[in-house]
Amino acid sequence: MRRSSRISAYIGSLLLTVCLALTGAATAQASQLAASGPYVALGDSYSSGVGAGSYISSSGSCNRSTNAYPYLWNAANSPSSFSFTACSGARTDDVLANQLGPLNSATALVSITVGGNDAGFSDVMTTCVLQSDSDCISRINTAKAYVDSTLPGKLNNLYSTIRAKAPNARVVVIGYPRFYLLGQFCLGLSEAKRSAINGAADYIDAATAKIAANHGFVFGDVRTTFSGHEICSGSSWLHSVNWLNIGESYHPTAAGHSGGYLPVFTKAA
């Protein structure tokens, strides 16, 4: 009996090893196909590269940057084609209406950040910069309620459409960073506002990650790479309020794309 048990255990271990090897090989092959096939970059200003400078003139008000993580990934990996349709200010409905044209059955890789504008990102930050702590927190709570009640339906519709149009693509949904390093002396917003804003980023990231997983998409969490590079850190990869170019406020710098977004996307792709 003992000999039989040892043989059974050996065979089970061998089968597990083979299965793991095959799974690893399949994952590596899928990753290689994603890196070499057509790549489509969708989303809002965090994908287009607002705040990173070096904007492509033909992109107009979409402000697509050559320093944005999709552009950098394309330059490093040379996929068979690259379609950069992400646009500043885009909401889920804008992505549906204006950005999905390049998707097809040959598309191998898709990246997207979206949802912040749906939840009222710009109005939240305006309220928090210009009004009281209580007004800021109240506006954030309104945004969280939207994330609970309405955003899931918007994302489900968008993700389902992406999958229908690009059935063979690896889809990487990337989140938003926390804006502030807390517990530091820092001019500007109060600690209460900073903490509430960070909490809002965590809230939408958690919701987005869950919905992405439900669709079989990969979620890229940039909060890890931005850790230590938030506003108030002394080495920020995010713009604070930029009164000379207000649209760049609270967006990643070029360093934020190369050091924060690109490594996360590269690993997930």
C-alpha atoms as a PDB file:
ATOM      1  CA  MET A   1       0.000   0.000   0.000  1.00  0.00           C
ATOM      2  CA  ARG A   2       2.784   2.391   0.835  1.00  0.00           C
ATOM      3  CA  ARG A   3       4.533   1.719  -2.499  1.00  0.00           C
ATOM      4  CA  SER A   4       1.226   2.254  -4.341  1.00  0.00           C
ATOM      5  CA  SER A   5       0.646   5.504  -2.471  1.00  0.00           C
ATOM      6  CA  ARG A   6       4.142   6.752  -3.316  1.00  0.00           C
ATOM      7  CA  ILE A   7       3.626   5.918  -6.996  1.00  0.00           C
ATOM      8  CA  SER A   8       0.226   7.681  -7.016  1.00  0.00           C
ATOM      9  CA  ALA A   9       1.711  10.716  -5.324  1.00  0.00           C
ATOM     10  CA  TYR A  10       4.584  10.767  -7.836  1.00  0.00           C
ATOM     11  CA  ILE A  11       2.213  10.535 -10.797  1.00  0.00           C
ATOM     12  CA  GLY A  12      -0.002  13.273  -9.331  1.00  0.00           C
ATOM     13  CA  SER A  13       3.022  15.510  -8.804  1.00  0.00           C
ATOM     14  CA  LEU A  14       4.238  14.840 -12.331  1.00  0.00           C
ATOM     15  CA  LEU A  15       0.838  15.674 -13.827  1.00  0.00           C
ATOM     16  CA  LEU A  16       0.665  18.891 -11.790  1.00  0.00           C
ATOM     17  CA  THR A  17       4.127  19.893 -12.987  1.00  0.00           C
ATOM     18  CA  VAL A  18       3.155  19.256 -16.612  1.00  0.00           C
ATOM     19  CA  CYS A  19      -0.076  21.226 -16.222  1.00  0.00           C
ATOM     20  CA  LEU A  20       1.748  24.165 -14.659  1.00  0.00           C
ATOM     21  CA  ALA A  21       4.353  24.086 -17.420  1.00  0.00           C
ATOM     22  CA  LEU A  22       1.682  24.040 -20.105  1.00  0.00           C
ATOM     23  CA  THR A  23      -0.219  26.863 -18.393  1.00  0.00           C
ATOM     24  CA  GLY A  24       2.963  28.909 -18.156  1.00  0.00           C
ATOM     25  CA  ALA A  25       3.745  28.244 -21.799  1.00  0.00           C
ATOM     26  CA  ALA A  26       0.234  29.248 -22.842  1.00  0.00           C
ATOM     27  CA  THR A  27       0.452  32.456 -20.791  1.00  0.00           C
ATOM     28  CA  ALA A  28       3.844  33.293 -22.276  1.00  0.00           C
ATOM     29  CA  GLN A  29       2.556  32.591 -25.778  1.00  0.00           C
ATOM     30  CA  ALA A  30      -0.497  34.798 -25.214  1.00  0.00           C
ATOM     31  CA  SER A  31       1.764  37.567 -23.934  1.00  0.00           C
ATOM     32  CA  GLN A  32       4.040  37.234 -26.973  1.00  0.00           C
ATOM     33  CA  LEU A  33       1.053  37.402 -29.332  1.00  0.00           C
ATOM     34  CA  ALA A  34      -0.229  40.509 -27.534  1.00  0.00           C
ATOM     35  CA  ALA A  35       3.178  42.143 -27.885  1.00  0.00           C
ATOM     36  CA  SER A  36       3.454  41.443 -31.613  1.00  0.00           C
ATOM     37  CA  GLY A  37      -0.121  41.838 -32.858  1.00  0.00           C
ATOM     38  CA  PRO A  38      -2.217  44.994 -33.402  1.00  0.00           C
ATOM     39  CA  TYR A  39      -2.456  47.216 -30.301  1.00  0.00           C
ATOM     40  CA  VAL A  40      -5.281  49.706 -29.647  1.00  0.00           C
ATOM     41  CA  ALA A  41      -5.024  52.293 -26.842  1.00  0.00           C
ATOM     42  CA  LEU A  42      -8.392  53.568 -25.605  1.00  0.00           C
ATOM     43  CA  GLY A  43      -9.492  55.787 -22.766  1.00  0.00           C
ATOM     44  CA  ASP A  44      -9.405  59.186 -21.145  1.00  0.00           C
ATOM     45  CA  SER A  45      -6.700  61.766 -20.388  1.00  0.00           C
ATOM     46  CA  TYR A  46      -4.743  59.308 -18.227  1.00  0.00           C
ATOM     47  CA  SER A  47      -4.175  57.243 -21.361  1.00  0.00           C
ATOM     48  CA  SER A  48      -3.894  60.074 -23.879  1.00  0.00           C
ATOM     49  CA  GLY A  49      -1.127  61.638 -21.804  1.00  0.00           C
ATOM     50  CA  VAL A  50      -2.516  64.965 -20.609  1.00  0.00           C
ATOM     51  CA  GLY A  51       0.154  66.443 -18.353  1.00  0.00           C
ATOM     52  CA  ALA A  52       3.013  64.584 -20.038  1.00  0.00           C
ATOM     53  CA  GLY A  53       3.736  67.243 -22.695  1.00  0.00           C
ATOM     54  CA  SER A  54       4.940  66.623 -26.245  1.00  0.00           C
ATOM     55  CA  TYR A  55       1.419  66.488 -27.631  1.00  0.00           C
ATOM     56  CA  ILE A  56       0.797  65.187 -31.130  1.00  0.00           C
ATOM     57  CA  SER A  57      -0.520  68.161 -33.088  1.00  0.00           C
ATOM     58  CA  SER A  58      -2.914  66.079 -35.166  1.00  0.00           C
ATOM     59  CA  SER A  59      -4.648  64.847 -32.005  1.00  0.00           C
ATOM     60  CA  GLY A  60      -6.110  68.296 -31.336  1.00  0.00           C
ATOM     61  CA  SER A  61      -7.981  68.665 -28.054  1.00  0.00           C
ATOM     62  CA  CYS A  62      -7.522  64.938 -27.315  1.00  0.00           C
ATOM     63  CA  ASN A  63      -3.952  65.866 -26.302  1.00  0.00           C
ATOM     64  CA  ARG A  64      -2.290  62.564 -27.136  1.00  0.00           C
ATOM     65  CA  SER A  65       1.312  62.647 -25.985  1.00  0.00           C
ATOM     66  CA  THR A  66       4.422  60.911 -27.246  1.00  0.00           C
ATOM     67  CA  ASN A  67       5.304  60.577 -23.548  1.00  0.00           C
ATOM     68  CA  ALA A  68       2.090  58.687 -22.725  1.00  0.00           C
ATOM     69  CA  TYR A  69       2.424  55.046 -21.704  1.00  0.00           C
ATOM     70  CA  PRO A  70       0.671  53.653 -24.843  1.00  0.00           C
ATOM     71  CA  TYR A  71       3.075  55.536 -27.109  1.00  0.00           C
ATOM     72  CA  LEU A  72       6.069  54.431 -25.046  1.00  0.00           C
ATOM     73  CA  TRP A  73       4.950  50.798 -25.072  1.00  0.00           C
ATOM     74  CA  ASN A  74       4.460  50.907 -28.821  1.00  0.00           C
ATOM     75  CA  ALA A  75       7.961  52.328 -29.325  1.00  0.00           C
ATOM     76  CA  ALA A  76       9.502  49.627 -27.126  1.00  0.00           C
ATOM     77  CA  ASN A  77       7.579  46.636 -28.505  1.00  0.00           C
ATOM     78  CA  SER A  78       6.846  47.456 -32.165  1.00  0.00           C
ATOM     79  CA  PRO A  79       3.453  45.742 -32.510  1.00  0.00           C
ATOM     80  CA  SER A  80       2.246  45.079 -36.058  1.00  0.00           C
ATOM     81  CA  SER A  81       0.035  48.180 -35.790  1.00  0.00           C
ATOM     82  CA  PHE A  82      -0.746  50.849 -33.208  1.00  0.00           C
ATOM     83  CA  SER A  83      -4.025  52.790 -32.981  1.00  0.00           C
ATOM     84  CA  PHE A  84      -3.966  55.562 -30.373  1.00  0.00           C
ATOM     85  CA  THR A  85      -7.553  56.778 -29.925  1.00  0.00           C
ATOM     86  CA  ALA A  86      -7.558  57.767 -26.228  1.00  0.00           C
ATOM     87  CA  CYS A  87      -8.826  61.308 -25.723  1.00  0.00           C
ATOM     88  CA  SER A  88      -8.772  63.927 -22.992  1.00  0.00           C
ATOM     89  CA  GLY A  89     -12.097  64.259 -21.212  1.00  0.00           C
ATOM     90  CA  ALA A  90     -13.478  60.952 -22.506  1.00  0.00           C
ATOM     91  CA  ARG A  91     -16.266  59.222 -20.638  1.00  0.00           C
ATOM     92  CA  THR A  92     -17.437  55.679 -21.234  1.00  0.00           C
ATOM     93  CA  ASP A  93     -20.018  56.833 -23.808  1.00  0.00           C
ATOM     94  CA  ASP A  94     -17.330  58.816 -25.663  1.00  0.00           C
ATOM     95  CA  VAL A  95     -15.124  55.740 -25.886  1.00  0.00           C
ATOM     96  CA  LEU A  96     -18.084  53.782 -27.250  1.00  0.00           C
ATOM     97  CA  ALA A  97     -18.969  56.429 -29.811  1.00  0.00           C
ATOM     98  CA  ASN A  98     -15.557  57.598 -30.965  1.00  0.00           C
ATOM     99  CA  GLN A  99     -12.697  55.255 -30.110  1.00  0.00           C
ATOM    100  CA  LEU A 100     -13.575  51.661 -30.996  1.00  0.00           C
ATOM    101  CA  GLY A 101     -13.210  51.874 -34.783  1.00  0.00           C
ATOM    102  CA  PRO A 102      -9.787  50.157 -34.946  1.00  0.00           C
ATOM    103  CA  LEU A 103     -10.944  47.097 -32.969  1.00  0.00           C
ATOM    104  CA  ASN A 104     -11.468  43.847 -34.865  1.00  0.00           C
ATOM    105  CA  SER A 105     -10.873  40.116 -34.570  1.00  0.00           C
ATOM    106  CA  ALA A 106      -7.166  40.594 -35.320  1.00  0.00           C
ATOM    107  CA  THR A 107      -6.634  43.028 -32.421  1.00  0.00           C
ATOM    108  CA  ALA A 108      -4.201  41.409 -30.001  1.00  0.00           C
ATOM    109  CA  LEU A 109      -3.928  43.987 -27.213  1.00  0.00           C
ATOM    110  CA  VAL A 110      -6.151  46.743 -25.821  1.00  0.00           C
ATOM    111  CA  SER A 111      -5.418  49.203 -23.009  1.00  0.00           C
ATOM    112  CA  ILE A 112      -7.914  51.533 -21.366  1.00  0.00           C
ATOM    113  CA  THR A 113      -8.377  53.937 -18.480  1.00  0.00           C
ATOM    114  CA  VAL A 114     -11.907  55.274 -18.107  1.00  0.00           C
ATOM    115  CA  GLY A 115     -14.524  56.044 -15.487  1.00  0.00           C
ATOM    116  CA  GLY A 116     -13.058  59.034 -13.684  1.00  0.00           C
ATOM    117  CA  ASN A 117     -14.802  61.573 -15.896  1.00  0.00           C
ATOM    118  CA  ASP A 118     -18.087  59.696 -15.602  1.00  0.00           C
ATOM    119  CA  ALA A 119     -17.831  60.032 -11.829  1.00  0.00           C
ATOM    120  CA  GLY A 120     -17.147  63.789 -12.095  1.00  0.00           C
ATOM    121  CA  PHE A 121     -13.365  63.923 -11.618  1.00  0.00           C
ATOM    122  CA  SER A 122     -12.992  67.544 -12.744  1.00  0.00           C
ATOM    123  CA  ASP A 123     -15.851  68.832 -10.605  1.00  0.00           C
ATOM    124  CA  VAL A 124     -14.609  66.889  -7.583  1.00  0.00           C
ATOM    125  CA  MET A 125     -11.159  68.446  -7.813  1.00  0.00           C
ATOM    126  CA  THR A 126     -12.545  71.948  -8.464  1.00  0.00           C
ATOM    127  CA  THR A 127     -14.780  71.644  -5.406  1.00  0.00           C
ATOM    128  CA  CYS A 128     -11.937  70.364  -3.237  1.00  0.00           C
ATOM    129  CA  VAL A 129      -9.524  73.094  -4.339  1.00  0.00           C
ATOM    130  CA  LEU A 130     -11.932  76.018  -4.026  1.00  0.00           C
ATOM    131  CA  GLN A 131     -14.363  75.067  -1.265  1.00  0.00           C
ATOM    132  CA  SER A 132     -14.431  73.798   2.313  1.00  0.00           C
ATOM    133  CA  ASP A 133     -13.502  70.399   3.696  1.00  0.00           C
ATOM    134  CA  SER A 134     -17.161  69.502   4.153  1.00  0.00           C
ATOM    135  CA  ASP A 135     -18.030  70.563   0.600  1.00  0.00           C
ATOM    136  CA  CYS A 136     -15.132  68.516  -0.770  1.00  0.00           C
ATOM    137  CA  ILE A 137     -16.098  65.398   1.182  1.00  0.00           C
ATOM    138  CA  SER A 138     -19.752  65.806   0.234  1.00  0.00           C
ATOM    139  CA  ARG A 139     -18.870  66.018  -3.469  1.00  0.00           C
ATOM    140  CA  ILE A 140     -16.661  62.941  -3.158  1.00  0.00           C
ATOM    141  CA  ASN A 141     -19.523  61.038  -1.515  1.00  0.00           C
ATOM    142  CA  THR A 142     -21.733  61.983  -4.466  1.00  0.00           C
ATOM    143  CA  ALA A 143     -19.077  60.618  -6.823  1.00  0.00           C
ATOM    144  CA  LYS A 144     -18.867  57.391  -4.804  1.00  0.00           C
ATOM    145  CA  ALA A 145     -22.644  57.010  -5.027  1.00  0.00           C
ATOM    146  CA  TYR A 146     -22.356  57.295  -8.807  1.00  0.00           C
ATOM    147  CA  VAL A 147     -19.632  54.639  -8.811  1.00  0.00           C
ATOM    148  CA  ASP A 148     -22.018  52.364  -6.903  1.00  0.00           C
ATOM    149  CA  SER A 149     -25.207  53.045  -8.841  1.00  0.00           C
ATOM    150  CA  THR A 150     -24.387  53.993 -12.422  1.00  0.00           C
ATOM    151  CA  LEU A 151     -20.749  53.381 -13.357  1.00  0.00           C
ATOM    152  CA  PRO A 152     -20.983  49.552 -13.263  1.00  0.00           C
ATOM    153  CA  GLY A 153     -23.638  49.561 -15.976  1.00  0.00           C
ATOM    154  CA  LYS A 154     -21.598  51.964 -18.095  1.00  0.00           C
ATOM    155  CA  LEU A 155     -18.436  49.874 -17.769  1.00  0.00           C
ATOM    156  CA  ASN A 156     -20.249  46.588 -18.348  1.00  0.00           C
ATOM    157  CA  ASN A 157     -21.700  47.938 -21.588  1.00  0.00           C
ATOM    158  CA  LEU A 158     -18.352  49.286 -22.750  1.00  0.00           C
ATOM    159  CA  TYR A 159     -16.366  46.180 -21.808  1.00  0.00           C
ATOM    160  CA  SER A 160     -18.909  43.897 -23.480  1.00  0.00           C
ATOM    161  CA  THR A 161     -18.679  45.949 -26.662  1.00  0.00           C
ATOM    162  CA  ILE A 162     -14.876  45.859 -26.603  1.00  0.00           C
ATOM    163  CA  ARG A 163     -14.940  42.086 -26.225  1.00  0.00           C
ATOM    164  CA  ALA A 164     -17.487  41.692 -29.035  1.00  0.00           C
ATOM    165  CA  LYS A 165     -15.394  43.819 -31.399  1.00  0.00           C
ATOM    166  CA  ALA A 166     -12.029  42.355 -30.352  1.00  0.00           C
ATOM    167  CA  PRO A 167     -12.831  38.772 -29.300  1.00  0.00           C
ATOM    168  CA  ASN A 168      -9.203  37.626 -29.337  1.00  0.00           C
ATOM    169  CA  ALA A 169      -7.572  40.602 -27.631  1.00  0.00           C
ATOM    170  CA  ARG A 170      -5.884  40.736 -24.253  1.00  0.00           C
ATOM    171  CA  VAL A 171      -7.593  43.711 -22.586  1.00  0.00           C
ATOM    172  CA  VAL A 172      -5.765  45.609 -19.856  1.00  0.00           C
ATOM    173  CA  VAL A 173      -7.823  48.003 -17.741  1.00  0.00           C
ATOM    174  CA  ILE A 174      -5.569  50.392 -15.840  1.00  0.00           C
ATOM    175  CA  GLY A 175      -6.606  52.300 -12.739  1.00  0.00           C
ATOM    176  CA  TYR A 176      -5.820  55.683 -11.254  1.00  0.00           C
ATOM    177  CA  PRO A 177      -3.109  56.590  -8.723  1.00  0.00           C
ATOM    178  CA  ARG A 178      -3.625  58.030  -5.269  1.00  0.00           C
ATOM    179  CA  PHE A 179      -2.891  61.731  -5.542  1.00  0.00           C
ATOM    180  CA  TYR A 180      -1.347  62.559  -2.164  1.00  0.00           C
ATOM    181  CA  LEU A 181       1.301  61.297   0.200  1.00  0.00           C
ATOM    182  CA  LEU A 182      -0.355  61.802   3.573  1.00  0.00           C
ATOM    183  CA  GLY A 183       1.203  62.847   6.851  1.00  0.00           C
ATOM    184  CA  GLN A 184       3.571  65.345   5.231  1.00  0.00           C
ATOM    185  CA  PHE A 185       3.782  69.108   5.559  1.00  0.00           C
ATOM    186  CA  CYS A 186       2.502  70.324   2.225  1.00  0.00           C
ATOM    187  CA  LEU A 187       1.020  73.601   1.071  1.00  0.00           C
ATOM    188  CA  GLY A 188      -2.408  73.466  -0.498  1.00  0.00           C
ATOM    189  CA  LEU A 189      -5.300  71.224   0.470  1.00  0.00           C
ATOM    190  CA  SER A 190      -5.981  70.132   4.035  1.00  0.00           C
ATOM    191  CA  GLU A 191      -5.103  66.642   5.203  1.00  0.00           C
ATOM    192  CA  ALA A 192      -8.824  65.837   5.400  1.00  0.00           C
ATOM    193  CA  LYS A 193      -9.286  66.718   1.732  1.00  0.00           C
ATOM    194  CA  ARG A 194      -6.177  64.798   0.672  1.00  0.00           C
ATOM    195  CA  SER A 195      -7.274  61.709   2.551  1.00  0.00           C
ATOM    196  CA  ALA A 196     -10.772  61.868   1.052  1.00  0.00           C
ATOM    197  CA  ILE A 197      -9.380  62.271  -2.484  1.00  0.00           C
ATOM    198  CA  ASN A 198      -7.093  59.258  -2.005  1.00  0.00           C
ATOM    199  CA  GLY A 199     -10.077  57.310  -0.728  1.00  0.00           C
ATOM    200  CA  ALA A 200     -12.014  58.217  -3.858  1.00  0.00           C
ATOM    201  CA  ALA A 201      -9.194  56.874  -6.051  1.00  0.00           C
ATOM    202  CA  ASP A 202      -9.217  53.621  -4.074  1.00  0.00           C
ATOM    203  CA  TYR A 203     -12.994  53.429  -4.432  1.00  0.00           C
ATOM    204  CA  ILE A 204     -13.130  53.734  -8.207  1.00  0.00           C
ATOM    205  CA  ASP A 205     -10.113  51.450  -8.634  1.00  0.00           C
ATOM    206  CA  ALA A 206     -11.779  48.725  -6.561  1.00  0.00           C
ATOM    207  CA  ALA A 207     -15.015  49.007  -8.533  1.00  0.00           C
ATOM    208  CA  THR A 208     -13.221  49.027 -11.886  1.00  0.00           C
ATOM    209  CA  ALA A 209     -10.999  46.078 -10.988  1.00  0.00           C
ATOM    210  CA  LYS A 210     -14.016  43.977 -10.015  1.00  0.00           C
ATOM    211  CA  ILE A 211     -15.912  44.714 -13.229  1.00  0.00           C
ATOM    212  CA  ALA A 212     -12.796  44.151 -15.356  1.00  0.00           C
ATOM    213  CA  ALA A 213     -12.293  40.747 -13.727  1.00  0.00           C
ATOM    214  CA  ASN A 214     -15.913  39.828 -14.418  1.00  0.00           C
ATOM    215  CA  HIS A 215     -15.196  40.323 -18.125  1.00  0.00           C
ATOM    216  CA  GLY A 216     -11.955  38.357 -18.040  1.00  0.00           C
ATOM    217  CA  PHE A 217      -9.865  41.512 -18.417  1.00  0.00           C
ATOM    218  CA  VAL A 218      -6.593  42.227 -16.595  1.00  0.00           C
ATOM    219  CA  PHE A 219      -6.488  45.108 -14.096  1.00  0.00           C
ATOM    220  CA  GLY A 220      -3.279  47.129 -13.778  1.00  0.00           C
ATOM    221  CA  ASP A 221      -2.917  48.827 -10.392  1.00  0.00           C
ATOM    222  CA  VAL A 222      -0.659  51.898 -10.620  1.00  0.00           C
ATOM    223  CA  ARG A 223      -1.012  52.807  -6.957  1.00  0.00           C
ATOM    224  CA  THR A 224       1.982  50.579  -6.255  1.00  0.00           C
ATOM    225  CA  THR A 225       4.329  52.239  -8.741  1.00  0.00           C
ATOM    226  CA  PHE A 226       3.200  55.742  -7.768  1.00  0.00           C
ATOM    227  CA  SER A 227       3.837  55.034  -4.089  1.00  0.00           C
ATOM    228  CA  GLY A 228       6.386  57.595  -2.905  1.00  0.00           C
ATOM    229  CA  HIS A 229       5.760  59.761  -5.960  1.00  0.00           C
ATOM    230  CA  GLU A 230       2.430  61.306  -5.006  1.00  0.00           C
ATOM    231  CA  ILE A 231       1.890  65.049  -4.585  1.00  0.00           C
ATOM    232  CA  CYS A 232       3.593  66.187  -1.335  1.00  0.00           C
ATOM    233  CA  SER A 233       6.248  63.471  -1.678  1.00  0.00           C
ATOM    234  CA  GLY A 234       9.031  65.760  -2.867  1.00  0.00           C
ATOM    235  CA  SER A 235       9.378  63.560  -5.958  1.00  0.00           C
ATOM    236  CA  SER A 236       5.911  63.855  -7.431  1.00  0.00           C
ATOM    237  CA  TRP A 237       4.918  62.180 -10.692  1.00  0.00           C
ATOM    238  CA  LEU A 238       1.640  64.106 -10.643  1.00  0.00           C
ATOM    239  CA  HIS A 239       0.876  67.737 -11.329  1.00  0.00           C
ATOM    240  CA  SER A 240      -0.767  69.646  -8.522  1.00  0.00           C
ATOM    241  CA  VAL A 241      -2.896  72.653  -9.499  1.00  0.00           C
ATOM    242  CA  ASN A 242      -1.317  74.160 -12.592  1.00  0.00           C
ATOM    243  CA  TRP A 243      -2.761  77.656 -12.911  1.00  0.00           C
ATOM    244  CA  LEU A 244      -0.955  78.209 -16.220  1.00  0.00           C
ATOM    245  CA  ASN A 245      -2.485  75.074 -17.753  1.00  0.00           C
ATOM    246  CA  ILE A 246      -5.410  74.063 -15.586  1.00  0.00           C
ATOM    247  CA  GLY A 247      -6.198  71.011 -17.719  1.00  0.00           C
ATOM    248  CA  GLU A 248      -2.903  69.384 -16.707  1.00  0.00           C
ATOM    249  CA  SER A 249      -3.739  69.616 -12.998  1.00  0.00           C
ATOM    250  CA  TYR A 250      -3.837  66.274 -11.187  1.00  0.00           C
ATOM    251  CA  HIS A 251      -2.531  64.331 -14.174  1.00  0.00           C
ATOM    252  CA  PRO A 252       0.673  62.279 -14.444  1.00  0.00           C
ATOM    253  CA  THR A 253       3.839  63.952 -15.654  1.00  0.00           C
ATOM    254  CA  ALA A 254       6.052  62.363 -18.297  1.00  0.00           C
ATOM    255  CA  ALA A 255       7.879  60.616 -15.432  1.00  0.00           C
ATOM    256  CA  GLY A 256       4.528  59.362 -14.160  1.00  0.00           C
ATOM    257  CA  HIS A 257       3.876  57.670 -17.490  1.00  0.00           C
ATOM    258  CA  SER A 258       7.353  56.197 -17.914  1.00  0.00           C
ATOM    259  CA  GLY A 259       7.875  55.242 -14.263  1.00  0.00           C
ATOM    260  CA  GLY A 260       4.304  54.732 -13.049  1.00  0.00           C
ATOM    261  CA  TYR A 261       2.029  53.595 -15.866  1.00  0.00           C
ATOM    262  CA  LEU A 262       4.400  51.947 -18.340  1.00  0.00           C
ATOM    263  CA  PRO A 263       5.823  49.258 -15.991  1.00  0.00           C
ATOM    264  CA  VAL A 264       2.319  48.251 -14.869  1.00  0.00           C
ATOM    265  CA  PHE A 265       1.036  48.010 -18.424  1.00  0.00           C
ATOM    266  CA  THR A 266       4.145  46.194 -19.630  1.00  0.00           C
ATOM    267  CA  LYS A 267       3.743  43.561 -16.910  1.00  0.00           C
ATOM    268  CA  ALA A 268       0.012  43.167 -17.581  1.00  0.00           C
ATOM    269  CA  ALA A 269       0.352  43.023 -21.368  1.00  0.00           C
END
